[in-house]
């Protein structure tokens, strides 16, 4: 039986008992860094994980939230302690680590108890081997949508770098929208993301948080960030940026992501949004802060 069928069947057959994190208790964010083979300065998933950990542990207006970064599939103790799990990597890390069937089963247990889930940029992505011919995968239940890699049989999302993409908030009353405003950046916000069989319509419990008019030559209002309130009491948040590591400097983008993470823990997002500051991005040990194209690496003898 395929991986997606095992876990999707478990989701549909399980008795759902909502479990909501008590905000009075310390919330724990588990950041899982998956594999990546992108050029220096792009993705930088390990450094990006450390950036998020720093921001969570240095929030100026939110207390009682801790963060832990792991670079392999987390232990049961780590999974059990998590209020939310944040994934960063080249496509959905549970499918890329060894033993994906067990990983998805472990994640199902977390989701069933109301744990949150967040996917950043390419971690929102699934490949053809991950999904059924009709696009079924547990991530659709857990997060409300995903980026469908070109190898997917049912749908093809689009990954393209835009010199100037404007990201517009579209859910002003939602907690994740607090404190950040429209911003423009040079990045790769994925478009034509997959939200289920009903074309690009979001399910009733899924909220579009941000859109962008892309591509420039034939603009359409594309959903580039969204969230879900799940029947199990958990929350999911997906955002298809940043591609370039240096864009963690963008305060509105960073606040947007931190809001989403905090919201999935069931901790209250402040009215002004989550306030953080960053030291020099080099502190988090990326291969490079600035993007280094593959052609430039070859010229340098790498």
Protein backbone atom coordinates (compact mmCIF):
# COMPACT_ATOMS: atom_id res chain seq x y z
CA UNK A 1 0.00 0.00 0.00
CA UNK A 2 1.34 3.46 -0.87
CA UNK A 3 2.54 5.80 1.89
CA UNK A 4 -0.22 8.35 1.31
CA UNK A 5 -2.93 5.66 1.50
CA UNK A 6 -1.68 4.38 4.87
CA UNK A 7 -1.82 7.75 6.57
CA UNK A 8 -4.85 9.16 4.75
CA UNK A 9 -6.81 6.09 5.78
CA UNK A 10 -5.68 6.58 9.37
CA UNK A 11 -6.85 10.20 9.29
CA UNK A 12 -10.27 9.28 7.96
CA UNK A 13 -10.80 6.33 10.33
CA UNK A 14 -9.41 7.78 13.52
CA UNK A 15 -11.63 9.19 16.23
CA UNK A 16 -10.78 12.87 16.37
CA UNK A 17 -10.47 14.30 19.83
CA UNK A 18 -9.45 17.97 19.74
CA UNK A 19 -6.57 18.78 22.05
CA UNK A 20 -5.70 22.44 22.29
CA UNK A 21 -2.46 23.60 23.84
CA UNK A 22 -2.96 25.50 27.07
CA UNK A 23 -1.35 28.88 26.48
CA UNK A 24 -0.53 29.02 30.18
CA UNK A 25 1.91 26.16 29.63
CA UNK A 26 5.22 26.69 27.86
CA UNK A 27 4.79 26.13 24.13
CA UNK A 28 7.55 24.24 22.35
CA UNK A 29 8.37 24.75 18.68
CA UNK A 30 10.13 21.84 17.01
CA UNK A 31 12.00 22.97 13.87
CA UNK A 32 12.89 20.09 11.55
CA UNK A 33 15.52 20.79 8.90
CA UNK A 34 15.35 18.50 5.89
CA UNK A 35 17.83 17.84 3.10
CA UNK A 36 18.63 20.53 0.51
CA UNK A 37 20.86 20.72 -2.54
CA UNK A 38 20.30 24.33 -3.54
CA UNK A 39 23.17 26.72 -4.29
CA UNK A 40 24.63 28.84 -1.48
CA UNK A 41 22.47 31.80 -0.52
CA UNK A 42 19.27 30.05 -1.61
CA UNK A 43 17.16 27.95 0.75
CA UNK A 44 20.02 27.63 3.30
CA UNK A 45 17.68 25.41 5.27
CA UNK A 46 19.98 24.73 8.23
CA UNK A 47 20.75 28.42 8.70
CA UNK A 48 17.07 29.24 8.12
CA UNK A 49 16.11 26.84 10.89
CA UNK A 50 18.54 28.57 13.22
CA UNK A 51 17.15 31.97 12.20
CA UNK A 52 13.66 30.86 13.19
CA UNK A 53 14.93 29.44 16.48
CA UNK A 54 16.67 32.73 17.29
CA UNK A 55 13.55 34.74 16.46
CA UNK A 56 11.31 32.52 18.58
CA UNK A 57 13.67 32.63 21.54
CA UNK A 58 14.11 36.42 21.28
CA UNK A 59 10.53 37.56 20.67
CA UNK A 60 10.17 40.97 22.29
CA UNK A 61 6.45 40.75 23.00
CA UNK A 62 5.69 37.03 23.41
CA UNK A 63 6.86 34.90 26.33
CA UNK A 64 6.65 31.22 27.23
CA UNK A 65 7.69 29.81 23.84
CA UNK A 66 10.87 27.79 23.30
CA UNK A 67 12.38 26.33 20.15
CA UNK A 68 14.52 23.33 19.26
CA UNK A 69 16.19 22.62 15.89
CA UNK A 70 16.87 19.07 14.67
CA UNK A 71 18.55 17.95 11.45
CA UNK A 72 17.12 14.43 11.29
CA UNK A 73 13.79 12.82 12.04
CA UNK A 74 12.93 13.85 15.63
CA UNK A 75 12.77 11.37 18.49
CA UNK A 76 9.50 10.39 20.13
CA UNK A 77 10.37 12.54 23.13
CA UNK A 78 10.89 15.56 20.88
CA UNK A 79 7.70 14.87 18.95
CA UNK A 80 5.64 14.41 22.11
CA UNK A 81 6.89 17.70 23.56
CA UNK A 82 6.11 19.79 20.48
CA UNK A 83 3.22 22.25 20.40
CA UNK A 84 3.92 22.78 16.71
CA UNK A 85 6.38 21.38 14.19
CA UNK A 86 8.04 23.61 11.59
CA UNK A 87 9.54 22.09 8.45
CA UNK A 88 12.16 23.64 6.19
CA UNK A 89 13.91 21.74 3.39
CA UNK A 90 13.72 20.74 -0.27
CA UNK A 91 10.19 19.33 -0.41
CA UNK A 92 8.28 17.98 2.58
CA UNK A 93 11.00 16.57 4.90
CA UNK A 94 9.00 13.61 6.31
CA UNK A 95 8.97 12.20 2.78
CA UNK A 96 12.69 12.86 2.24
CA UNK A 97 14.10 11.37 5.43
CA UNK A 98 14.58 7.59 5.68
CA UNK A 99 11.47 5.52 6.55
CA UNK A 100 8.84 7.94 5.17
CA UNK A 101 5.95 5.60 5.96
CA UNK A 102 6.86 5.58 9.66
CA UNK A 103 7.57 9.32 9.59
CA UNK A 104 4.09 10.06 8.29
CA UNK A 105 2.59 7.73 10.87
CA UNK A 106 4.53 9.55 13.60
CA UNK A 107 3.34 12.88 12.25
CA UNK A 108 -0.22 11.61 12.14
CA UNK A 109 -0.02 10.90 15.88
CA UNK A 110 1.18 14.46 16.46
CA UNK A 111 -1.57 15.96 14.35
CA UNK A 112 -4.25 13.79 15.97
CA UNK A 113 -3.48 15.28 19.39
CA UNK A 114 -3.81 18.82 17.98
CA UNK A 115 -0.16 19.65 17.27
CA UNK A 116 0.40 22.49 14.81
CA UNK A 117 2.32 22.25 11.55
CA UNK A 118 4.19 24.88 9.54
CA UNK A 119 5.96 24.50 6.19
CA UNK A 120 8.30 27.16 4.84
CA UNK A 121 9.05 27.62 1.12
CA UNK A 122 9.97 24.32 -0.57
CA UNK A 123 8.98 22.31 2.50
CA UNK A 124 5.43 22.94 1.25
CA UNK A 125 6.31 20.75 -1.75
CA UNK A 126 5.46 17.20 -2.71
CA UNK A 127 6.79 15.19 -5.66
CA UNK A 128 5.02 12.65 -7.82
CA UNK A 129 6.26 9.67 -5.80
CA UNK A 130 4.72 11.18 -2.65
CA UNK A 131 1.13 11.44 -3.86
CA UNK A 132 -1.67 9.41 -5.37
CA UNK A 133 -2.68 10.02 -8.98
CA UNK A 134 -5.47 12.28 -7.71
CA UNK A 135 -3.12 14.29 -5.45
CA UNK A 136 -4.13 12.75 -2.13
CA UNK A 137 -1.57 13.17 0.66
CA UNK A 138 -1.96 13.78 4.42
CA UNK A 139 -0.40 17.24 4.06
CA UNK A 140 -3.58 18.36 2.31
CA UNK A 141 -5.50 17.54 5.51
CA UNK A 142 -2.87 18.87 7.89
CA UNK A 143 -1.95 22.15 6.18
CA UNK A 144 -4.75 22.79 3.69
CA UNK A 145 -2.63 22.82 0.53
CA UNK A 146 0.80 22.23 -0.94
CA UNK A 147 3.19 23.00 -3.78
CA UNK A 148 2.86 20.29 -6.44
CA UNK A 149 6.25 19.59 -8.00
CA UNK A 150 6.31 19.21 -11.79
CA UNK A 151 6.57 15.42 -11.35
CA UNK A 152 3.11 15.25 -9.74
CA UNK A 153 0.54 13.50 -11.97
CA UNK A 154 -2.49 15.56 -10.96
CA UNK A 155 -1.33 19.19 -10.85
CA UNK A 156 1.72 21.33 -11.53
CA UNK A 157 2.58 24.33 -9.41
CA UNK A 158 5.02 26.93 -10.74
CA UNK A 159 8.38 27.86 -9.26
CA UNK A 160 9.94 30.94 -10.80
CA UNK A 161 12.11 33.73 -9.42
CA UNK A 162 10.57 37.18 -9.80
CA UNK A 163 12.69 40.33 -9.58
CA UNK A 164 9.84 42.13 -7.85
CA UNK A 165 6.95 40.23 -6.28
CA UNK A 166 4.49 42.17 -4.14
CA UNK A 167 2.98 40.19 -1.26
CA UNK A 168 -0.42 41.48 -0.15
CA UNK A 169 -2.25 40.59 3.09
CA UNK A 170 -5.82 39.48 2.34
CA UNK A 171 -7.17 38.38 5.74
CA UNK A 172 -6.90 41.54 7.86
CA UNK A 173 -8.89 40.11 10.77
CA UNK A 174 -6.83 36.95 11.13
CA UNK A 175 -4.22 36.83 13.95
CA UNK A 176 -1.46 35.81 11.52
CA UNK A 177 -2.02 39.09 9.65
CA UNK A 178 -1.27 41.28 12.64
CA UNK A 179 1.45 43.90 12.40
CA UNK A 180 2.81 43.29 8.91
CA UNK A 181 2.02 45.22 5.77
CA UNK A 182 2.31 44.67 2.05
CA UNK A 183 5.92 44.19 0.95
CA UNK A 184 7.86 43.62 -2.26
CA UNK A 185 10.89 41.41 -2.64
CA UNK A 186 13.08 39.57 -5.13
CA UNK A 187 12.16 35.96 -4.45
CA UNK A 188 10.48 32.78 -5.65
CA UNK A 189 6.91 32.72 -4.31
CA UNK A 190 5.34 29.57 -5.73
CA UNK A 191 2.11 29.96 -7.63
CA UNK A 192 -0.68 27.67 -8.78
CA UNK A 193 -0.43 25.82 -5.48
CA UNK A 194 -2.70 22.84 -4.93
CA UNK A 195 -5.64 23.06 -2.52
CA UNK A 196 -7.67 20.03 -3.51
CA UNK A 197 -9.69 18.65 -6.39
CA UNK A 198 -11.89 21.73 -6.70
CA UNK A 199 -9.27 23.56 -8.77
CA UNK A 200 -7.59 26.25 -6.65
CA UNK A 201 -10.53 26.85 -4.30
CA UNK A 202 -9.59 26.57 -0.67
CA UNK A 203 -11.56 24.28 1.63
CA UNK A 204 -14.00 26.05 4.01
CA UNK A 205 -11.60 25.71 6.97
CA UNK A 206 -8.64 27.07 4.99
CA UNK A 207 -7.90 30.82 4.91
CA UNK A 208 -5.83 32.62 2.29
CA UNK A 209 -3.49 34.95 4.20
CA UNK A 210 -1.48 36.53 1.39
CA UNK A 211 -1.68 36.78 -2.37
CA UNK A 212 0.50 38.09 -5.17
CA UNK A 213 -0.40 39.18 -8.71
CA UNK A 214 1.76 36.77 -10.69
CA UNK A 215 3.24 36.14 -13.17
CA UNK A 216 3.86 39.76 -14.25
CA UNK A 217 3.16 39.03 -17.92
CA UNK A 218 -0.23 37.47 -17.17
CA UNK A 219 -1.12 38.37 -13.59
CA UNK A 220 -3.53 36.34 -11.55
CA UNK A 221 -4.22 36.68 -7.84
CA UNK A 222 -2.22 33.75 -6.50
CA UNK A 223 -2.38 32.45 -2.92
CA UNK A 224 1.17 32.40 -1.52
CA UNK A 225 0.40 31.83 2.17
CA UNK A 226 -2.53 30.16 3.89
CA UNK A 227 -3.63 28.54 7.14
CA UNK A 228 -6.08 25.93 8.37
CA UNK A 229 -8.11 25.23 11.50
CA UNK A 230 -8.29 21.44 11.59
CA UNK A 231 -11.09 19.31 13.07
CA UNK A 232 -8.54 17.73 15.44
CA UNK A 233 -8.01 21.13 17.09
CA UNK A 234 -4.64 21.69 15.46
CA UNK A 235 -3.60 24.49 13.13
CA UNK A 236 -1.52 24.54 9.98
CA UNK A 237 0.33 27.36 8.20
CA UNK A 238 2.00 27.27 4.80
CA UNK A 239 4.09 30.01 3.22
CA UNK A 240 6.03 29.67 -0.04
CA UNK A 241 8.88 32.09 0.81
CA UNK A 242 11.74 32.86 1.30
CA UNK A 243 13.86 31.32 -1.43
CA UNK A 244 16.81 33.66 -0.92
CA UNK A 245 18.37 33.47 2.53
CA UNK A 246 18.98 37.22 2.68
CA UNK A 247 15.22 37.82 2.60
CA UNK A 248 15.02 36.81 6.27
CA UNK A 249 16.08 40.44 6.77
CA UNK A 250 12.68 41.58 5.47
CA UNK A 251 10.87 42.54 8.67
CA UNK A 252 7.34 42.18 7.32
CA UNK A 253 8.08 38.69 5.94
CA UNK A 254 9.76 37.65 9.17
CA UNK A 255 6.88 38.94 11.28
CA UNK A 256 4.43 37.14 9.02
CA UNK A 257 6.25 33.83 9.50
CA UNK A 258 6.68 34.30 13.26
CA UNK A 259 2.98 35.15 13.59
CA UNK A 260 2.13 31.92 11.79
CA UNK A 261 4.37 29.81 13.98
CA UNK A 262 3.06 31.34 17.21
CA UNK A 263 -0.55 31.02 16.04
CA UNK A 264 -0.10 27.28 15.42
CA UNK A 265 1.04 26.83 19.04
CA UNK A 266 -2.27 28.37 20.23
CA UNK A 267 -0.35 31.19 21.91
CA UNK A 268 -1.98 34.58 21.35
CA UNK A 269 -0.42 36.67 18.58
CA UNK A 270 0.05 40.27 19.84
CA UNK A 271 -2.02 43.01 18.21
CA UNK A 272 1.15 44.46 16.65
CA UNK A 273 2.37 41.04 15.53
CA UNK A 274 5.45 39.22 16.80
CA UNK A 275 8.37 41.63 17.12
CA UNK A 276 11.87 40.30 16.51
CA UNK A 277 15.26 41.64 15.53
CA UNK A 278 18.12 39.82 13.86
CA UNK A 279 21.90 40.03 14.17
CA UNK A 280 23.97 39.70 11.02
CA UNK A 281 22.64 36.70 9.08
CA UNK A 282 26.18 35.33 8.85
CA UNK A 283 25.90 34.45 12.56
CA UNK A 284 23.64 31.53 11.66
CA UNK A 285 26.38 29.90 9.56
CA UNK A 286 24.91 29.71 6.07
CA UNK A 287 27.08 28.64 3.15
CA UNK A 288 26.58 32.21 1.95
CA UNK A 289 24.37 35.14 2.89
CA UNK A 290 24.29 36.33 -0.71
CA UNK A 291 23.20 34.05 -3.55
CA UNK A 292 26.02 32.28 -5.40
CA UNK A 293 24.83 30.88 -8.78
CA UNK A 294 26.04 27.42 -9.80
CA UNK A 295 27.89 28.90 -12.79
CA UNK A 296 29.87 31.14 -10.44
CA UNK A 297 30.70 28.14 -8.24
CA UNK A 298 32.05 26.24 -11.27
CA UNK A 299 34.20 29.20 -12.28
CA UNK A 300 35.62 29.25 -8.77
CA UNK A 301 36.53 25.58 -9.10
CA UNK A 302 33.82 24.24 -6.77
